[in-house]
Amino acid sequence: MTVAGDRVASYMYQGMSHPVASSNVTARTITYQDQGNFVTLTKRSETTADAALRTQQGDATAVLTRQ
């Protein structure tokens, strides 16, 4: 994902970059949507964030940790 200022500019999926039309970036949360898919990243700490994905195929969650 590429964040430029206060918006998500693009994200990578299957090795290809996709532009993002709608997003919101705060100090704690990043949200964006593309083609009916919704992504939310919520900061837990300096190295950990919660991720949630909502699609027509179903929902998924993950904990992301920077190493």
PDB file of N, CA and C in Angstrom:
ATOM      1  N   MET A   1       0.842  -1.151   0.000  1.00  0.00           N
ATOM      2  CA  MET A   1       0.000   0.000   0.000  1.00  0.00           C
ATOM      3  C   MET A   1       0.903   1.234   0.000  1.00  0.00           C
ATOM      4  N   THR A   2       0.488   2.233  -0.759  1.00  0.00           N
ATOM      5  CA  THR A   2       1.211   3.504  -0.804  1.00  0.00           C
ATOM      6  C   THR A   2       0.318   4.586  -0.226  1.00  0.00           C
ATOM      7  N   VAL A   3       0.775   5.220   0.855  1.00  0.00           N
ATOM      8  CA  VAL A   3       0.047   6.324   1.471  1.00  0.00           C
ATOM      9  C   VAL A   3       0.752   7.610   1.086  1.00  0.00           C
ATOM     10  N   ALA A   4       0.000   8.542   0.528  1.00  0.00           N
ATOM     11  CA  ALA A   4       0.535   9.841   0.119  1.00  0.00           C
ATOM     12  C   ALA A   4      -0.245  10.929   0.843  1.00  0.00           C
ATOM     13  N   GLY A   5       0.394  11.531   1.838  1.00  0.00           N
ATOM     14  CA  GLY A   5      -0.289  12.557   2.624  1.00  0.00           C
ATOM     15  C   GLY A   5      -1.416  11.967   3.432  1.00  0.00           C
ATOM     16  N   ASP A   6      -2.642  12.401   3.151  1.00  0.00           N
ATOM     17  CA  ASP A   6      -3.799  11.947   3.926  1.00  0.00           C
ATOM     18  C   ASP A   6      -4.686  10.989   3.144  1.00  0.00           C
ATOM     19  N   ARG A   7      -4.095  10.258   2.172  1.00  0.00           N
ATOM     20  CA  ARG A   7      -4.904   9.310   1.407  1.00  0.00           C
ATOM     21  C   ARG A   7      -4.067   8.109   0.979  1.00  0.00           C
ATOM     22  N   VAL A   8      -4.747   7.009   0.699  1.00  0.00           N
ATOM     23  CA  VAL A   8      -4.106   5.824   0.131  1.00  0.00           C
ATOM     24  C   VAL A   8      -4.101   6.017  -1.379  1.00  0.00           C
ATOM     25  N   ALA A   9      -2.934   6.016  -1.981  1.00  0.00           N
ATOM     26  CA  ALA A   9      -2.832   6.228  -3.427  1.00  0.00           C
ATOM     27  C   ALA A   9      -3.021   4.932  -4.199  1.00  0.00           C
ATOM     28  N   SER A  10      -2.460   3.810  -3.674  1.00  0.00           N
ATOM     29  CA  SER A  10      -2.562   2.533  -4.374  1.00  0.00           C
ATOM     30  C   SER A  10      -2.260   1.391  -3.423  1.00  0.00           C
ATOM     31  N   TYR A  11      -2.556   0.173  -3.892  1.00  0.00           N
ATOM     32  CA  TYR A  11      -2.208  -1.034  -3.144  1.00  0.00           C
ATOM     33  C   TYR A  11      -1.744  -2.092  -4.134  1.00  0.00           C
ATOM     34  N   MET A  12      -1.009  -3.078  -3.644  1.00  0.00           N
ATOM     35  CA  MET A  12      -0.511  -4.163  -4.484  1.00  0.00           C
ATOM     36  C   MET A  12      -1.364  -5.411  -4.260  1.00  0.00           C
ATOM     37  N   TYR A  13      -1.722  -6.084  -5.357  1.00  0.00           N
ATOM     38  CA  TYR A  13      -2.444  -7.348  -5.275  1.00  0.00           C
ATOM     39  C   TYR A  13      -1.966  -8.226  -6.410  1.00  0.00           C
ATOM     40  N   GLN A  14      -1.509  -9.409  -6.080  1.00  0.00           N
ATOM     41  CA  GLN A  14      -0.984 -10.368  -7.039  1.00  0.00           C
ATOM     42  C   GLN A  14       0.079  -9.730  -7.937  1.00  0.00           C
ATOM     43  N   GLY A  15       0.953  -8.933  -7.313  1.00  0.00           N
ATOM     44  CA  GLY A  15       2.074  -8.336  -8.018  1.00  0.00           C
ATOM     45  C   GLY A  15       1.746  -7.127  -8.870  1.00  0.00           C
ATOM     46  N   MET A  16       0.496  -6.667  -8.842  1.00  0.00           N
ATOM     47  CA  MET A  16       0.111  -5.509  -9.642  1.00  0.00           C
ATOM     48  C   MET A  16      -0.380  -4.385  -8.742  1.00  0.00           C
ATOM     49  N   SER A  17      -0.032  -3.168  -9.100  1.00  0.00           N
ATOM     50  CA  SER A  17      -0.469  -1.986  -8.368  1.00  0.00           C
ATOM     51  C   SER A  17      -1.857  -1.567  -8.855  1.00  0.00           C
ATOM     52  N   HIS A  18      -2.734  -1.233  -7.894  1.00  0.00           N
ATOM     53  CA  HIS A  18      -4.093  -0.806  -8.204  1.00  0.00           C
ATOM     54  C   HIS A  18      -4.337   0.553  -7.550  1.00  0.00           C
ATOM     55  N   PRO A  19      -4.856   1.544  -8.293  1.00  0.00           N
ATOM     56  CA  PRO A  19      -5.156   2.845  -7.692  1.00  0.00           C
ATOM     57  C   PRO A  19      -6.358   2.740  -6.747  1.00  0.00           C
ATOM     58  N   VAL A  20      -6.416   3.647  -5.785  1.00  0.00           N
ATOM     59  CA  VAL A  20      -7.513   3.689  -4.818  1.00  0.00           C
ATOM     60  C   VAL A  20      -8.266   4.997  -4.999  1.00  0.00           C
ATOM     61  N   ALA A  21      -9.578   4.920  -5.184  1.00  0.00           N
ATOM     62  CA  ALA A  21     -10.399   6.105  -5.408  1.00  0.00           C
ATOM     63  C   ALA A  21     -10.884   6.736  -4.104  1.00  0.00           C
ATOM     64  N   SER A  22     -11.119   5.910  -3.071  1.00  0.00           N
ATOM     65  CA  SER A  22     -11.695   6.411  -1.831  1.00  0.00           C
ATOM     66  C   SER A  22     -10.918   5.868  -0.631  1.00  0.00           C
ATOM     67  N   SER A  23     -10.444   6.778   0.228  1.00  0.00           N
ATOM     68  CA  SER A  23      -9.694   6.347   1.413  1.00  0.00           C
ATOM     69  C   SER A  23      -9.769   7.408   2.501  1.00  0.00           C
ATOM     70  N   ASN A  24      -9.348   7.002   3.709  1.00  0.00           N
ATOM     71  CA  ASN A  24      -9.253   7.915   4.839  1.00  0.00           C
ATOM     72  C   ASN A  24      -8.055   7.492   5.681  1.00  0.00           C
ATOM     73  N   VAL A  25      -7.192   8.440   6.002  1.00  0.00           N
ATOM     74  CA  VAL A  25      -5.989   8.167   6.783  1.00  0.00           C
ATOM     75  C   VAL A  25      -5.974   9.077   8.000  1.00  0.00           C
ATOM     76  N   THR A  26      -5.863   8.455   9.189  1.00  0.00           N
ATOM     77  CA  THR A  26      -5.674   9.216  10.429  1.00  0.00           C
ATOM     78  C   THR A  26      -4.410   8.693  11.101  1.00  0.00           C
ATOM     79  N   ALA A  27      -4.076   9.233  12.254  1.00  0.00           N
ATOM     80  CA  ALA A  27      -2.883   8.782  12.978  1.00  0.00           C
ATOM     81  C   ALA A  27      -3.004   7.328  13.428  1.00  0.00           C
ATOM     82  N   ARG A  28      -4.215   6.835  13.601  1.00  0.00           N
ATOM     83  CA  ARG A  28      -4.423   5.481  14.127  1.00  0.00           C
ATOM     84  C   ARG A  28      -5.056   4.501  13.135  1.00  0.00           C
ATOM     85  N   THR A  29      -5.782   5.007  12.138  1.00  0.00           N
ATOM     86  CA  THR A  29      -6.555   4.141  11.259  1.00  0.00           C
ATOM     87  C   THR A  29      -6.378   4.515   9.788  1.00  0.00           C
ATOM     88  N   ILE A  30      -6.292   3.496   8.942  1.00  0.00           N
ATOM     89  CA  ILE A  30      -6.312   3.673   7.491  1.00  0.00           C
ATOM     90  C   ILE A  30      -7.471   2.840   6.963  1.00  0.00           C
ATOM     91  N   THR A  31      -8.335   3.462   6.169  1.00  0.00           N
ATOM     92  CA  THR A  31      -9.420   2.731   5.516  1.00  0.00           C
ATOM     93  C   THR A  31      -9.415   3.078   4.038  1.00  0.00           C
ATOM     94  N   TYR A  32      -9.723   2.077   3.219  1.00  0.00           N
ATOM     95  CA  TYR A  32      -9.908   2.351   1.793  1.00  0.00           C
ATOM     96  C   TYR A  32     -10.824   1.309   1.187  1.00  0.00           C
ATOM     97  N   GLN A  33     -11.371   1.662   0.033  1.00  0.00           N
ATOM     98  CA  GLN A  33     -12.234   0.735  -0.677  1.00  0.00           C
ATOM     99  C   GLN A  33     -11.908   0.768  -2.162  1.00  0.00           C
ATOM    100  N   ASP A  34     -12.135  -0.378  -2.795  1.00  0.00           N
ATOM    101  CA  ASP A  34     -11.898  -0.494  -4.230  1.00  0.00           C
ATOM    102  C   ASP A  34     -12.764  -1.616  -4.762  1.00  0.00           C
ATOM    103  N   GLN A  35     -13.590  -1.325  -5.734  1.00  0.00           N
ATOM    104  CA  GLN A  35     -14.425  -2.306  -6.415  1.00  0.00           C
ATOM    105  C   GLN A  35     -15.219  -3.171  -5.435  1.00  0.00           C
ATOM    106  N   GLY A  36     -15.818  -2.554  -4.428  1.00  0.00           N
ATOM    107  CA  GLY A  36     -16.642  -3.269  -3.468  1.00  0.00           C
ATOM    108  C   GLY A  36     -15.893  -3.962  -2.345  1.00  0.00           C
ATOM    109  N   ASN A  37     -14.580  -3.818  -2.305  1.00  0.00           N
ATOM    110  CA  ASN A  37     -13.756  -4.385  -1.232  1.00  0.00           C
ATOM    111  C   ASN A  37     -13.395  -3.278  -0.249  1.00  0.00           C
ATOM    112  N   PHE A  38     -13.503  -3.569   1.038  1.00  0.00           N
ATOM    113  CA  PHE A  38     -13.221  -2.585   2.077  1.00  0.00           C
ATOM    114  C   PHE A  38     -12.089  -3.086   2.965  1.00  0.00           C
ATOM    115  N   VAL A  39     -11.094  -2.241   3.213  1.00  0.00           N
ATOM    116  CA  VAL A  39      -9.938  -2.593   4.042  1.00  0.00           C
ATOM    117  C   VAL A  39      -9.818  -1.576   5.167  1.00  0.00           C
ATOM    118  N   THR A  40      -9.602  -2.078   6.388  1.00  0.00           N
ATOM    119  CA  THR A  40      -9.350  -1.221   7.547  1.00  0.00           C
ATOM    120  C   THR A  40      -8.097  -1.710   8.258  1.00  0.00           C
ATOM    121  N   LEU A  41      -7.155  -0.814   8.493  1.00  0.00           N
ATOM    122  CA  LEU A  41      -5.958  -1.097   9.285  1.00  0.00           C
ATOM    123  C   LEU A  41      -6.013  -0.201  10.516  1.00  0.00           C
ATOM    124  N   THR A  42      -5.883  -0.803  11.694  1.00  0.00           N
ATOM    125  CA  THR A  42      -5.939  -0.049  12.943  1.00  0.00           C
ATOM    126  C   THR A  42      -4.664  -0.294  13.733  1.00  0.00           C
ATOM    127  N   LYS A  43      -3.968   0.777  14.047  1.00  0.00           N
ATOM    128  CA  LYS A  43      -2.699   0.692  14.768  1.00  0.00           C
ATOM    129  C   LYS A  43      -2.930   0.271  16.215  1.00  0.00           C
ATOM    130  N   ARG A  44      -2.205  -0.774  16.644  1.00  0.00           N
ATOM    131  CA  ARG A  44      -2.209  -1.204  18.053  1.00  0.00           C
ATOM    132  C   ARG A  44      -1.022  -0.610  18.796  1.00  0.00           C
ATOM    133  N   SER A  45       0.149  -0.652  18.142  1.00  0.00           N
ATOM    134  CA  SER A  45       1.387  -0.153  18.738  1.00  0.00           C
ATOM    135  C   SER A  45       2.302   0.282  17.599  1.00  0.00           C
ATOM    136  N   GLU A  46       3.526   0.626  17.910  1.00  0.00           N
ATOM    137  CA  GLU A  46       4.473   1.044  16.879  1.00  0.00           C
ATOM    138  C   GLU A  46       4.808  -0.074  15.899  1.00  0.00           C
ATOM    139  N   THR A  47       4.619  -1.333  16.287  1.00  0.00           N
ATOM    140  CA  THR A  47       4.984  -2.455  15.421  1.00  0.00           C
ATOM    141  C   THR A  47       3.824  -3.392  15.074  1.00  0.00           C
ATOM    142  N   THR A  48       2.610  -3.099  15.550  1.00  0.00           N
ATOM    143  CA  THR A  48       1.494  -4.022  15.357  1.00  0.00           C
ATOM    144  C   THR A  48       0.230  -3.273  14.923  1.00  0.00           C
ATOM    145  N   ALA A  49      -0.510  -3.889  13.992  1.00  0.00           N
ATOM    146  CA  ALA A  49      -1.788  -3.333  13.548  1.00  0.00           C
ATOM    147  C   ALA A  49      -2.769  -4.468  13.292  1.00  0.00           C
ATOM    148  N   ASP A  50      -4.051  -4.165  13.470  1.00  0.00           N
ATOM    149  CA  ASP A  50      -5.117  -5.095  13.111  1.00  0.00           C
ATOM    150  C   ASP A  50      -5.550  -4.767  11.688  1.00  0.00           C
ATOM    151  N   ALA A  51      -5.823  -5.791  10.895  1.00  0.00           N
ATOM    152  CA  ALA A  51      -6.293  -5.611   9.528  1.00  0.00           C
ATOM    153  C   ALA A  51      -7.623  -6.329   9.366  1.00  0.00           C
ATOM    154  N   ALA A  52      -8.557  -5.681   8.676  1.00  0.00           N
ATOM    155  CA  ALA A  52      -9.850  -6.296   8.382  1.00  0.00           C
ATOM    156  C   ALA A  52     -10.160  -6.072   6.908  1.00  0.00           C
ATOM    157  N   LEU A  53     -10.600  -7.128   6.240  1.00  0.00           N
ATOM    158  CA  LEU A  53     -10.956  -7.087   4.827  1.00  0.00           C
ATOM    159  C   LEU A  53     -12.391  -7.567   4.682  1.00  0.00           C
ATOM    160  N   ARG A  54     -13.184  -6.806   3.950  1.00  0.00           N
ATOM    161  CA  ARG A  54     -14.577  -7.198   3.705  1.00  0.00           C
ATOM    162  C   ARG A  54     -14.794  -7.230   2.193  1.00  0.00           C
ATOM    163  N   THR A  55     -15.167  -8.403   1.662  1.00  0.00           N
ATOM    164  CA  THR A  55     -15.389  -8.571   0.238  1.00  0.00           C
ATOM    165  C   THR A  55     -16.708  -9.293  -0.004  1.00  0.00           C
ATOM    166  N   GLN A  56     -17.093  -9.392  -1.268  1.00  0.00           N
ATOM    167  CA  GLN A  56     -18.298 -10.142  -1.614  1.00  0.00           C
ATOM    168  C   GLN A  56     -18.115 -11.628  -1.319  1.00  0.00           C
ATOM    169  N   GLN A  57     -16.881 -12.108  -1.339  1.00  0.00           N
ATOM    170  CA  GLN A  57     -16.601 -13.514  -1.064  1.00  0.00           C
ATOM    171  C   GLN A  57     -16.560 -13.829   0.426  1.00  0.00           C
ATOM    172  N   GLY A  58     -16.462 -12.810   1.276  1.00  0.00           N
ATOM    173  CA  GLY A  58     -16.419 -13.024   2.716  1.00  0.00           C
ATOM    174  C   GLY A  58     -15.507 -12.037   3.406  1.00  0.00           C
ATOM    175  N   ASP A  59     -15.351 -12.208   4.697  1.00  0.00           N
ATOM    176  CA  ASP A  59     -14.549 -11.312   5.525  1.00  0.00           C
ATOM    177  C   ASP A  59     -13.312 -12.033   6.034  1.00  0.00           C
ATOM    178  N   ALA A  60     -12.269 -11.252   6.316  1.00  0.00           N
ATOM    179  CA  ALA A  60     -11.035 -11.814   6.862  1.00  0.00           C
ATOM    180  C   ALA A  60     -10.420 -10.797   7.812  1.00  0.00           C
ATOM    181  N   THR A  61      -9.698 -11.313   8.813  1.00  0.00           N
ATOM    182  CA  THR A  61      -8.966 -10.449   9.729  1.00  0.00           C
ATOM    183  C   THR A  61      -7.558 -10.983   9.896  1.00  0.00           C
ATOM    184  N   ALA A  62      -6.640 -10.095  10.309  1.00  0.00           N
ATOM    185  CA  ALA A  62      -5.251 -10.487  10.539  1.00  0.00           C
ATOM    186  C   ALA A  62      -4.622  -9.509  11.507  1.00  0.00           C
ATOM    187  N   VAL A  63      -3.559  -9.964  12.140  1.00  0.00           N
ATOM    188  CA  VAL A  63      -2.717  -9.078  12.936  1.00  0.00           C
ATOM    189  C   VAL A  63      -1.405  -8.942  12.186  1.00  0.00           C
ATOM    190  N   LEU A  64      -1.009  -7.717  11.878  1.00  0.00           N
ATOM    191  CA  LEU A  64       0.220  -7.440  11.139  1.00  0.00           C
ATOM    192  C   LEU A  64       1.293  -6.986  12.107  1.00  0.00           C
ATOM    193  N   THR A  65       2.492  -7.575  12.011  1.00  0.00           N
ATOM    194  CA  THR A  65       3.601  -7.236  12.897  1.00  0.00           C
ATOM    195  C   THR A  65       4.834  -6.895  12.083  1.00  0.00           C
ATOM    196  N   ARG A  66       5.377  -5.693  12.309  1.00  0.00           N
ATOM    197  CA  ARG A  66       6.610  -5.277  11.652  1.00  0.00           C
ATOM    198  C   ARG A  66       7.782  -5.898  12.407  1.00  0.00           C
ATOM    199  N   GLN A  67       8.717  -6.496  11.690  1.00  0.00           N
ATOM    200  CA  GLN A  67       9.849  -7.132  12.338  1.00  0.00           C
ATOM    201  C   GLN A  67      11.107  -6.321  12.160  1.00  0.00           C
TER     202      GLN A  67
END
